[in-house]
Structure formats: C-alpha cells, structure tokens
Amino acid sequence: MKPTDLRGILQYIPQFREKTFVVAIDGAVVMNENFQNLLLDVAVLRSLNIQVLLVHGAAALIGQLADDHKTRPSDLEGSGVTDAETLKLALTAANRLTHEILEGLSANDLWAACTNAIIAHPLGILQGVDHQFTGKVERIDVDLLRALLGQGVIPVVPPLGFDGDGKTYRVNSDAVAYELAKALGAIKLIYITPHDGLYCGERLIRQILVAELNQLLKNEEIAPEMLSKARHAAAACNAGVPRVHVINGCVDEGLLAEVFSHEGIGTLIYANEYQQIRRALKKDIRSIVKLIQQPVATDELVRRSRSSIERHIEDYYLFEIDRNPVACVALHVYAERNTGELACLFVSPSHENQGLGRKMIQFVENKAREKELDALIALSTQAFTYFQSKAGFTEGTPDDLPPGRREKYEQSGRRSKVLVKKLR
C-alpha cells in the first residue's frame, strides 16, 4: 500500500481526528531539500483535522554559523554549557529556521504562529560546571497553545525558553518536544531526524516496548548520536504518550508512511503491548490472501484459494500490530493421527527479524498442546532449516503424514520436506 493511498489513510482517521501530534524536526532536516515535501505531509495531517504542533532544533545551523564566524560553539544540542557567544548563534539560527518554517507553512495555506510558550529557568551549576545560558523547561503555557490549536493555527516552537524577567535560554529541542507532548496529552510524538531511526549496534529498531528501550538505555546499547531522542522518547512513553516515532525526514512522504501504514519507515516506541495474536474471522480473508501473495508467487507457500481459506477459517490466526495483520499461521488438526499441521506461516517483510515467526510457532504449539495432540508436522520447501534450528522440529518422511494429508502431499508434486515435532 502506498502511504498516500486514500483507502489506507481512511482506516486511521477515526482514531486520529481532533487529536494532537507533536512533531519535532531537527534543524538539519529543515535545511534539507526534502523539507518542503515534509510540510506537504503536515498539510495532509491538518486536512484530516489532526492538531499539529511543530518544534524545531537548530544544532546544524548553529554549527554552520559558527564556522562562518570562525568561532567554536560551546554546545550545539542545548544540553551542555551555552556561553554568551553561542547563545547569540542560537538566537540567529532559531529565528532563521522559524521564519523558514512559517514561510513554508504559508505556502501550503496553513496558519502558523511562533510562540513564547516555553517558560524556562537556568539549568544552573551541575557537578561544579556552570551551564550559563542553557535552560530547562519549567512549565508550558498550555492555555496559549490550546487556544491556537483550537483556531486551526499550528504553533511553531523554537529551542528557546524565557523566564519571568525576559531572559532567553537555549533549551534542548528533544526535551521541549517531550514536555509539550506530555502537557498537551498528545497521542503521538514524532522526532524527525536525518537518521533512519534508533539503532542498537548496527540493527535498526523497528518497534520496541518502552520497558525494553529503558533496558537498552541502561545497558548503553543505543547509538550515541540518538541517545537524546531515545531518552526523551522513553520519558514520553513513561509519562503517558502512547506512541513515539523516530523517522528520517529526508525520505519523501516519510511522515505519512510512518503515520498511515503499519509497516512505518523508522522506529516506533510504544507505551503498552499493542500486539496480539487472534483467531481469524471471515472478514480477514482478504488480508490473509494479500499477506501471503508474495510467498505464494515465490513458491514458499502453497497456493490457497479464497474458498479454501474460508472453509477452514477457524484454523487461521493473525498477528496484529495496532489492528493491522502482519503475520499469519494455521493449525490444521488430523484426528485420525491426533496430529496437528502448522501451516501457512508467514511474516510480512517489513516485520522480519523481530522474532514474530517464533512467536507464531510457539502459539500454534501451545494450541496443539491444549488440544492434547501427540505431534506437530510442518511441510516446507525453503524454510526447513528455520523450523529445525529455531523451533525444534526434526526431519521426517511422508510416512509421518496422516493418510489424508499424504494424499494431498503426493498430488501437489512440491516434494516439500516433512518436519515433525513430538509433543508428548
């Protein structure tokens, strides 16, 4: 499904309408050539009555301005020491980027306003180091922001905070976005970066429960350049924000692809268990056929007609993520041998290498044990080593098949390997 496919988008509208998304954009993304396309994605969100609030960073432009002025900034991210010269660079960078965002939103017929809704105080002296003009968010002017959102205005929030005396402080944009999402009760916090998402070593994390992310942070397994995003994403989920996304803002239609498809393009951090395996219903037949279309074409799975699936629909199970099927499996029972067949196992390519296949196999094995079956069989032309190494199956022979199943096996001509797992 293309992310811009209207049918794909429609299923999400009821749960997103009139809800708030906080979108935090790195300054490097604002300066990227794809930024105008990103603003078109924001326009789509607004057209669907989703309230959007934009936060932006400025690190990349601060670094560029420092090079132009032949100076060395004391800090780029808004979390270290900000001296007077770096604060000047931050003000210049923030104002320039804010203007570019407002200009781009205006080009898409969207109302927007820059706000001073971040009330901050000095970060102070930490471990003997005076952080000077680095600030920490003290509170959010929620009433101001809600008034703007209620009028269809997109608040644009720079990485700056203001105290009661009118002093300006440099604040970390990731922290600002987190505080805004928490204060406004946003259902999504979306960090848009020049990176594909969060990495654990060299592995891109596609979905992760916040408790698991907390453990990775504790073990220092997140790539250093994404630590700030990871920490604030975890904090947001722990504070009640249901979903936090980290995506690459240099990908065309990336924001829509992340929000309006179950595959996504980056990393999703979620605050609760949003996955489930459930029995398939007749209304799911179309989803099953679509899901297994590719492995059938490559002869990985045997072809199944809609009518065949419908006749045995009570044997099928789906693995859902946010109510979208991403994997399937079937358990066919042969009473004459008190044996079950694990069949039609497939995981969508977008969710491979996440352990879903093993979860589905374990689920079927548990079901087979509940039915007090003696054994499980599986037939495979390409994944037999997976069943043997990951699921404890051993290679058998056609003689291990129940009579009815053996007849179909011989008629098919596929010469699949027969795999067997004794259950008792």
Protein backbone atom coordinates (compact mmCIF):
# COMPACT_ATOMS: atom_id res chain seq x y z
CA MET A 1 0.00 0.00 0.00
CA LYS A 2 1.29 3.44 -0.88
CA PRO A 3 1.16 5.78 2.10
CA THR A 4 -0.82 8.24 0.02
CA ASP A 5 -3.45 5.62 -0.85
CA LEU A 6 -6.69 7.12 0.45
CA ARG A 7 -8.09 3.73 1.45
CA GLY A 8 -5.06 3.13 3.61
CA ILE A 9 -5.35 6.52 5.29
CA LEU A 10 -9.09 6.28 5.96
CA GLN A 11 -8.77 3.47 8.50
CA TYR A 12 -6.68 5.70 10.77
CA ILE A 13 -8.78 8.87 10.64
CA PRO A 14 -11.31 7.99 13.38
CA GLN A 15 -8.57 7.39 15.96
CA PHE A 16 -6.54 10.48 14.98
CA ARG A 17 -9.24 13.10 14.32
CA GLU A 18 -9.11 16.07 16.71
CA LYS A 19 -6.09 14.53 18.46
CA THR A 20 -2.71 16.24 18.90
CA PHE A 21 0.58 15.29 17.27
CA VAL A 22 3.81 16.94 18.43
CA VAL A 23 6.28 16.91 15.54
CA ALA A 24 9.90 17.70 16.44
CA ILE A 25 12.10 18.47 13.44
CA ASP A 26 15.89 18.59 13.62
CA GLY A 27 17.41 21.75 12.20
CA ALA A 28 19.36 19.64 9.69
CA VAL A 29 16.03 18.40 8.27
CA VAL A 30 14.68 21.95 7.94
CA MET A 31 17.78 22.73 5.88
CA ASN A 32 17.33 19.60 3.72
CA GLU A 33 15.87 19.79 0.22
CA ASN A 34 13.06 17.39 1.22
CA PHE A 35 11.72 19.81 3.84
CA GLN A 36 9.05 21.26 1.56
CA ASN A 37 7.71 17.76 0.95
CA LEU A 38 7.62 17.24 4.69
CA LEU A 39 5.46 20.34 5.06
CA LEU A 40 3.08 18.88 2.47
CA ASP A 41 2.74 15.87 4.77
CA VAL A 42 1.92 18.24 7.63
CA ALA A 43 -0.73 19.83 5.41
CA VAL A 44 -2.29 16.40 4.90
CA LEU A 45 -2.44 15.88 8.67
CA ARG A 46 -4.15 19.23 9.15
CA SER A 47 -6.64 18.48 6.36
CA LEU A 48 -7.71 15.42 8.37
CA ASN A 49 -8.44 17.58 11.45
CA ILE A 50 -5.32 16.41 13.29
CA GLN A 51 -3.90 19.14 15.51
CA VAL A 52 -0.20 19.58 14.80
CA LEU A 53 2.39 21.40 16.85
CA LEU A 54 5.89 21.85 15.42
CA VAL A 55 9.11 22.05 17.41
CA HIS A 56 12.44 22.55 15.70
CA GLY A 57 16.08 22.17 16.61
CA ALA A 58 18.96 24.36 15.47
CA ALA A 59 22.19 22.43 16.06
CA ALA A 60 23.17 22.07 12.41
CA LEU A 61 22.70 25.76 11.63
CA ILE A 62 24.47 26.83 14.83
CA GLY A 63 27.46 24.76 13.71
CA GLN A 64 27.31 26.31 10.25
CA LEU A 65 27.09 29.86 11.61
CA ALA A 66 29.99 29.19 13.96
CA ASP A 67 32.12 28.11 11.01
CA ASP A 68 31.12 31.27 9.12
CA HIS A 69 32.13 33.43 12.10
CA LYS A 70 35.31 31.44 12.75
CA THR A 71 34.15 30.69 16.29
CA ARG A 72 33.71 27.48 18.25
CA PRO A 73 30.30 26.96 19.89
CA SER A 74 30.38 25.82 23.50
CA ASP A 75 27.44 23.48 22.85
CA LEU A 76 25.24 22.51 19.89
CA GLU A 77 22.44 20.46 21.39
CA GLY A 78 21.17 22.72 24.16
CA SER A 79 22.11 20.35 26.94
CA GLY A 80 25.73 21.37 27.64
CA VAL A 81 27.23 24.75 28.50
CA THR A 82 25.85 27.68 26.48
CA ASP A 83 28.11 30.72 26.67
CA ALA A 84 27.10 34.22 25.56
CA GLU A 85 28.54 33.85 22.04
CA THR A 86 26.81 30.51 21.49
CA LEU A 87 23.50 31.98 22.71
CA LYS A 88 23.80 34.67 20.03
CA LEU A 89 24.35 31.99 17.40
CA ALA A 90 21.39 30.02 18.76
CA LEU A 91 19.13 33.07 18.56
CA THR A 92 20.17 33.78 14.97
CA ALA A 93 19.76 30.13 13.95
CA ALA A 94 16.41 29.70 15.70
CA ASN A 95 14.96 32.88 14.20
CA ARG A 96 16.11 31.95 10.71
CA LEU A 97 14.73 28.40 10.91
CA THR A 98 11.46 29.55 12.48
CA HIS A 99 10.99 32.02 9.63
CA GLU A 100 11.67 29.31 7.06
CA ILE A 101 9.09 27.05 8.67
CA LEU A 102 6.47 29.81 8.83
CA GLU A 103 7.19 30.69 5.21
CA GLY A 104 6.80 27.06 4.14
CA LEU A 105 3.55 26.60 6.05
CA SER A 106 2.16 29.77 4.49
CA ALA A 107 2.98 28.38 1.05
CA ASN A 108 0.70 25.44 1.92
CA ASP A 109 -2.16 27.74 3.07
CA LEU A 110 -1.62 26.82 6.71
CA TRP A 111 -1.92 29.28 9.59
CA ALA A 112 1.02 29.23 11.96
CA ALA A 113 2.49 31.32 14.77
CA CYS A 114 5.78 31.38 16.62
CA THR A 115 5.20 31.34 20.38
CA ASN A 116 6.95 32.11 23.65
CA ALA A 117 5.06 29.31 25.38
CA ILE A 118 8.19 27.73 26.91
CA ILE A 119 8.88 29.11 30.37
CA ALA A 120 12.40 28.14 31.40
CA HIS A 121 14.88 28.66 34.19
CA PRO A 122 18.67 28.26 34.17
CA LEU A 123 19.93 24.71 34.19
CA GLY A 124 22.40 26.01 36.75
CA ILE A 125 25.57 24.50 38.12
CA LEU A 126 25.84 20.76 37.63
CA GLN A 127 28.77 18.81 39.08
CA GLY A 128 30.61 22.08 39.55
CA VAL A 129 30.03 23.31 35.98
CA ASP A 130 28.02 26.50 35.37
CA HIS A 131 25.84 25.91 32.29
CA GLN A 132 25.34 29.68 31.90
CA PHE A 133 22.63 30.30 29.27
CA THR A 134 21.44 26.71 28.98
CA GLY A 135 17.90 26.41 30.25
CA LYS A 136 15.50 23.76 31.47
CA VAL A 137 11.77 23.76 30.80
CA GLU A 138 9.93 24.91 33.91
CA ARG A 139 6.40 24.87 32.53
CA ILE A 140 4.37 25.12 29.32
CA ASP A 141 1.77 27.81 28.60
CA VAL A 142 -0.82 25.19 27.72
CA ASP A 143 -3.70 27.67 27.50
CA LEU A 144 -1.93 29.68 24.81
CA LEU A 145 -1.12 26.61 22.74
CA ARG A 146 -4.60 25.12 23.03
CA ALA A 147 -6.13 28.45 22.02
CA LEU A 148 -4.01 28.47 18.88
CA LEU A 149 -4.72 24.81 18.08
CA GLY A 150 -8.43 25.41 18.61
CA GLN A 151 -8.32 28.13 15.96
CA GLY A 152 -6.59 25.87 13.44
CA VAL A 153 -3.21 27.55 13.96
CA ILE A 154 -0.01 25.48 14.01
CA PRO A 155 2.22 26.65 16.88
CA VAL A 156 5.89 26.70 15.90
CA VAL A 157 8.15 26.38 18.94
CA PRO A 158 11.89 27.20 18.67
CA PRO A 159 14.50 25.66 21.00
CA LEU A 160 14.40 28.69 23.28
CA GLY A 161 12.85 29.34 26.68
CA PHE A 162 12.04 32.56 28.52
CA ASP A 163 11.96 33.37 32.21
CA GLY A 164 9.82 35.90 34.08
CA ASP A 165 12.47 38.59 33.69
CA GLY A 166 12.50 38.28 29.89
CA LYS A 167 15.83 36.45 29.74
CA THR A 168 16.31 33.90 26.97
CA TYR A 169 17.80 30.45 27.44
CA ARG A 170 18.88 27.79 24.97
CA VAL A 171 16.92 24.57 25.59
CA ASN A 172 17.22 21.12 24.09
CA SER A 173 14.57 20.70 21.38
CA ASP A 174 14.08 17.00 22.17
CA ALA A 175 13.25 17.94 25.77
CA VAL A 176 10.91 20.71 24.61
CA ALA A 177 9.02 18.28 22.38
CA TYR A 178 8.72 15.79 25.24
CA GLU A 179 7.41 18.43 27.64
CA LEU A 180 4.89 19.67 25.06
CA ALA A 181 3.61 16.17 24.28
CA LYS A 182 3.18 15.45 27.98
CA ALA A 183 1.49 18.77 28.80
CA LEU A 184 -0.91 18.68 25.83
CA GLY A 185 -1.81 14.98 26.12
CA ALA A 186 -0.56 14.28 22.59
CA ILE A 187 -1.24 10.82 21.20
CA LYS A 188 1.93 10.92 19.11
CA LEU A 189 5.36 12.48 19.49
CA ILE A 190 7.29 12.28 16.24
CA TYR A 191 11.03 13.02 16.13
CA ILE A 192 12.13 13.80 12.58
CA THR A 193 15.87 13.42 12.10
CA PRO A 194 18.47 12.84 9.35
CA HIS A 195 18.73 9.22 10.61
CA ASP A 196 16.54 6.20 9.83
CA GLY A 197 15.60 5.66 13.48
CA LEU A 198 17.10 4.25 16.66
CA TYR A 199 19.90 1.73 16.32
CA CYS A 200 21.05 -0.97 18.71
CA GLY A 201 24.54 -1.62 17.41
CA GLU A 202 24.06 -1.87 13.63
CA ARG A 203 20.45 -3.07 13.87
CA LEU A 204 17.66 -0.61 13.14
CA ILE A 205 14.97 -0.99 15.79
CA ARG A 206 11.56 -1.05 14.10
CA GLN A 207 9.23 -1.42 17.10
CA ILE A 208 10.09 -1.57 20.78
CA LEU A 209 8.19 -1.54 24.07
CA VAL A 210 9.29 1.32 26.30
CA ALA A 211 10.39 -1.12 29.01
CA GLU A 212 12.76 -2.74 26.51
CA LEU A 213 14.08 0.65 25.43
CA ASN A 214 14.70 1.56 29.07
CA GLN A 215 16.82 -1.58 29.36
CA LEU A 216 18.82 -0.74 26.21
CA LEU A 217 19.47 2.74 27.62
CA LYS A 218 20.56 1.25 30.94
CA ASN A 219 22.95 -1.07 29.11
CA GLU A 220 24.22 1.82 26.92
CA GLU A 221 23.31 -0.03 23.73
CA ILE A 222 21.77 2.90 21.80
CA ALA A 223 23.94 4.68 19.22
CA PRO A 224 25.39 7.88 20.82
CA GLU A 225 24.04 10.28 18.19
CA MET A 226 20.48 9.16 19.01
CA LEU A 227 20.75 8.99 22.80
CA SER A 228 18.85 12.23 23.36
CA LYS A 229 15.95 11.09 21.15
CA ALA A 230 15.88 7.68 22.84
CA ARG A 231 15.90 9.09 26.37
CA HIS A 232 13.15 11.59 25.71
CA ALA A 233 11.10 9.03 23.75
CA ALA A 234 11.25 6.70 26.76
CA ALA A 235 10.38 9.56 29.10
CA ALA A 236 7.38 10.50 26.95
CA CYS A 237 6.01 6.95 26.94
CA ASN A 238 6.58 6.66 30.68
CA ALA A 239 4.65 9.93 31.08
CA GLY A 240 1.63 8.62 29.15
CA VAL A 241 2.26 9.46 25.50
CA PRO A 242 1.04 6.27 23.73
CA ARG A 243 3.35 6.31 20.71
CA VAL A 244 6.70 7.95 19.92
CA HIS A 245 8.20 7.71 16.43
CA VAL A 246 11.76 8.41 15.26
CA ILE A 247 11.98 8.74 11.48
CA ASN A 248 14.18 10.02 8.67
CA GLY A 249 12.90 13.39 7.48
CA CYS A 250 14.90 13.20 4.26
CA VAL A 251 12.62 10.44 2.89
CA ASP A 252 9.85 11.62 0.56
CA GLU A 253 6.41 11.06 2.12
CA GLY A 254 8.16 9.62 5.16
CA LEU A 255 5.85 11.24 7.71
CA LEU A 256 2.73 9.90 6.00
CA ALA A 257 4.31 6.48 5.58
CA GLU A 258 5.06 6.34 9.31
CA VAL A 259 1.68 7.57 10.50
CA PHE A 260 -0.64 5.90 7.97
CA SER A 261 0.85 2.45 7.46
CA HIS A 262 1.52 -0.39 9.88
CA GLU A 263 4.97 -1.00 8.34
CA GLY A 264 6.27 2.52 9.00
CA ILE A 265 9.74 3.66 7.96
CA GLY A 266 11.54 4.29 11.25
CA THR A 267 11.36 3.32 14.92
CA LEU A 268 8.15 3.10 16.93
CA ILE A 269 8.33 3.19 20.72
CA TYR A 270 5.07 2.28 22.42
CA ALA A 271 3.86 2.58 25.97
CA ASN A 272 1.81 -0.60 26.12
CA GLU A 273 1.59 -4.02 24.49
CA TYR A 274 -0.03 -3.18 21.18
CA GLN A 275 0.45 -6.59 19.59
CA GLN A 276 -1.82 -9.58 19.72
CA ILE A 277 -2.44 -12.94 18.11
CA ARG A 278 -6.09 -13.65 17.46
CA ARG A 279 -8.22 -16.11 15.58
CA ALA A 280 -9.00 -15.00 12.02
CA LEU A 281 -12.56 -14.14 11.02
CA LYS A 282 -14.27 -14.25 7.63
CA LYS A 283 -13.68 -10.53 7.23
CA ASP A 284 -9.92 -11.25 7.41
CA ILE A 285 -9.82 -13.50 4.33
CA ARG A 286 -8.83 -10.62 2.07
CA SER A 287 -6.00 -9.66 4.44
CA ILE A 288 -4.72 -13.25 4.55
CA VAL A 289 -4.75 -13.58 0.75
CA LYS A 290 -2.92 -10.25 0.41
CA LEU A 291 -0.40 -11.16 3.10
CA ILE A 292 0.61 -14.48 1.51
CA GLN A 293 0.53 -13.29 -2.10
CA GLN A 294 4.29 -12.78 -2.33
CA PRO A 295 5.41 -16.11 -0.74
CA VAL A 296 2.90 -17.97 -2.91
CA ALA A 297 4.40 -16.33 -6.00
CA THR A 298 7.90 -17.44 -4.97
CA ASP A 299 6.68 -20.98 -4.18
CA GLU A 300 7.49 -20.55 -0.50
CA LEU A 301 3.86 -21.26 0.41
CA VAL A 302 1.36 -23.47 -1.35
CA ARG A 303 -1.40 -21.65 -3.21
CA ARG A 304 -4.66 -21.37 -1.28
CA SER A 305 -7.94 -20.23 -2.78
CA ARG A 306 -10.25 -17.82 -1.01
CA SER A 307 -12.87 -20.55 -0.75
CA SER A 308 -10.35 -22.93 0.81
CA ILE A 309 -9.34 -20.36 3.41
CA GLU A 310 -12.99 -19.60 4.11
CA ARG A 311 -13.81 -23.29 4.67
CA HIS A 312 -11.04 -23.57 7.23
CA ILE A 313 -11.03 -20.01 8.59
CA GLU A 314 -11.31 -21.28 12.19
CA ASP A 315 -7.81 -22.81 11.74
CA TYR A 316 -6.13 -19.46 10.93
CA TYR A 317 -4.57 -16.94 13.30
CA LEU A 318 -3.30 -13.42 12.69
CA PHE A 319 -0.61 -11.40 14.42
CA GLU A 320 -1.75 -7.78 14.61
CA ILE A 321 0.08 -4.56 15.28
CA ASP A 322 -2.31 -1.71 16.04
CA ARG A 323 -5.08 -3.82 14.47
CA ASN A 324 -3.13 -4.40 11.25
CA PRO A 325 -2.26 -8.02 10.28
CA VAL A 326 1.49 -8.50 9.79
CA ALA A 327 1.78 -12.29 10.15
CA CYS A 328 -0.40 -15.38 9.84
CA VAL A 329 -0.35 -19.07 10.65
CA ALA A 330 -2.77 -22.00 10.62
CA LEU A 331 -3.23 -25.12 12.73
CA HIS A 332 -5.00 -27.96 10.88
CA VAL A 333 -5.94 -30.95 13.04
CA TYR A 334 -5.98 -34.56 11.75
CA ALA A 335 -7.98 -36.55 14.27
CA GLU A 336 -7.07 -39.95 12.76
CA ARG A 337 -3.45 -39.49 13.89
CA ASN A 338 -4.13 -37.00 16.72
CA THR A 339 -1.70 -34.73 14.86
CA GLY A 340 -1.68 -31.04 14.02
CA GLU A 341 -0.17 -29.35 10.99
CA LEU A 342 1.50 -25.98 11.38
CA ALA A 343 0.72 -24.34 8.03
CA CYS A 344 0.64 -21.03 6.18
CA LEU A 345 3.27 -19.42 8.40
CA PHE A 346 4.35 -16.06 7.02
CA VAL A 347 5.64 -12.77 8.41
CA SER A 348 5.44 -9.55 6.40
CA PRO A 349 8.92 -8.49 5.13
CA SER A 350 8.51 -5.18 6.99
CA HIS A 351 8.44 -7.09 10.28
CA GLU A 352 11.06 -9.77 9.66
CA ASN A 353 13.91 -10.47 12.11
CA GLN A 354 11.85 -9.41 15.12
CA GLY A 355 11.00 -12.85 16.46
CA LEU A 356 7.43 -12.86 15.15
CA GLY A 357 7.87 -16.18 13.35
CA ARG A 358 8.95 -17.89 16.55
CA LYS A 359 6.05 -16.31 18.43
CA MET A 360 3.60 -17.69 15.88
CA ILE A 361 5.17 -21.17 16.03
CA GLN A 362 5.10 -21.14 19.82
CA PHE A 363 1.47 -20.01 19.74
CA VAL A 364 0.49 -22.91 17.48
CA GLU A 365 2.47 -25.35 19.61
CA ASN A 366 0.64 -24.12 22.73
CA LYS A 367 -2.70 -24.53 20.94
CA ALA A 368 -1.73 -28.05 19.90
CA ARG A 369 -0.84 -28.93 23.48
CA GLU A 370 -4.17 -27.52 24.67
CA LYS A 371 -5.86 -29.89 22.22
CA GLU A 372 -3.70 -32.73 23.63
CA LEU A 373 -2.25 -33.56 20.22
CA ASP A 374 0.61 -36.03 20.04
CA ALA A 375 2.69 -34.21 17.43
CA LEU A 376 3.00 -31.27 15.08
CA ILE A 377 4.00 -31.58 11.43
CA ALA A 378 5.09 -28.90 9.01
CA LEU A 379 5.84 -29.02 5.29
CA SER A 380 8.45 -26.69 3.86
CA THR A 381 10.32 -26.16 0.61
CA GLN A 382 12.51 -23.26 1.70
CA ALA A 383 12.28 -22.65 5.47
CA PHE A 384 13.02 -26.16 6.77
CA THR A 385 16.30 -25.14 8.42
CA TYR A 386 14.41 -22.42 10.31
CA PHE A 387 11.94 -24.96 11.71
CA GLN A 388 14.79 -27.23 12.73
CA SER A 389 17.11 -24.63 14.30
CA LYS A 390 14.55 -22.26 15.83
CA ALA A 391 11.56 -24.44 16.64
CA GLY A 392 12.91 -27.89 17.48
CA PHE A 393 11.45 -29.81 14.53
CA THR A 394 13.26 -32.82 13.11
CA GLU A 395 13.18 -34.10 9.55
CA GLY A 396 10.69 -36.89 8.96
CA THR A 397 9.31 -38.75 5.94
CA PRO A 398 5.99 -38.79 4.08
CA ASP A 399 5.10 -41.81 6.22
CA ASP A 400 4.73 -39.41 9.17
CA LEU A 401 1.81 -37.67 7.44
CA PRO A 402 -1.80 -38.60 8.21
CA PRO A 403 -3.36 -40.52 5.27
CA GLY A 404 -5.49 -37.60 4.06
CA ARG A 405 -2.59 -35.20 4.23
CA ARG A 406 -0.21 -37.60 2.49
CA GLU A 407 -2.56 -37.88 -0.48
CA LYS A 408 -2.53 -34.08 -0.91
CA TYR A 409 1.24 -34.08 -0.46
CA GLU A 410 1.77 -36.53 -3.31
CA GLN A 411 -0.72 -34.78 -5.59
CA SER A 412 0.99 -31.40 -5.14
CA GLY A 413 4.32 -32.52 -6.57
CA ARG A 414 6.13 -29.92 -4.41
CA ARG A 415 8.28 -32.55 -2.68
CA SER A 416 8.36 -30.46 0.49
CA LYS A 417 10.45 -31.63 3.39
CA VAL A 418 8.37 -33.21 6.14
CA LEU A 419 9.18 -31.84 9.60
CA VAL A 420 7.95 -33.37 12.84
CA LYS A 421 7.87 -32.26 16.48
CA LYS A 422 6.69 -34.69 19.15
CA LEU A 423 4.57 -33.03 21.81
CA ARG A 424 4.39 -35.96 24.24
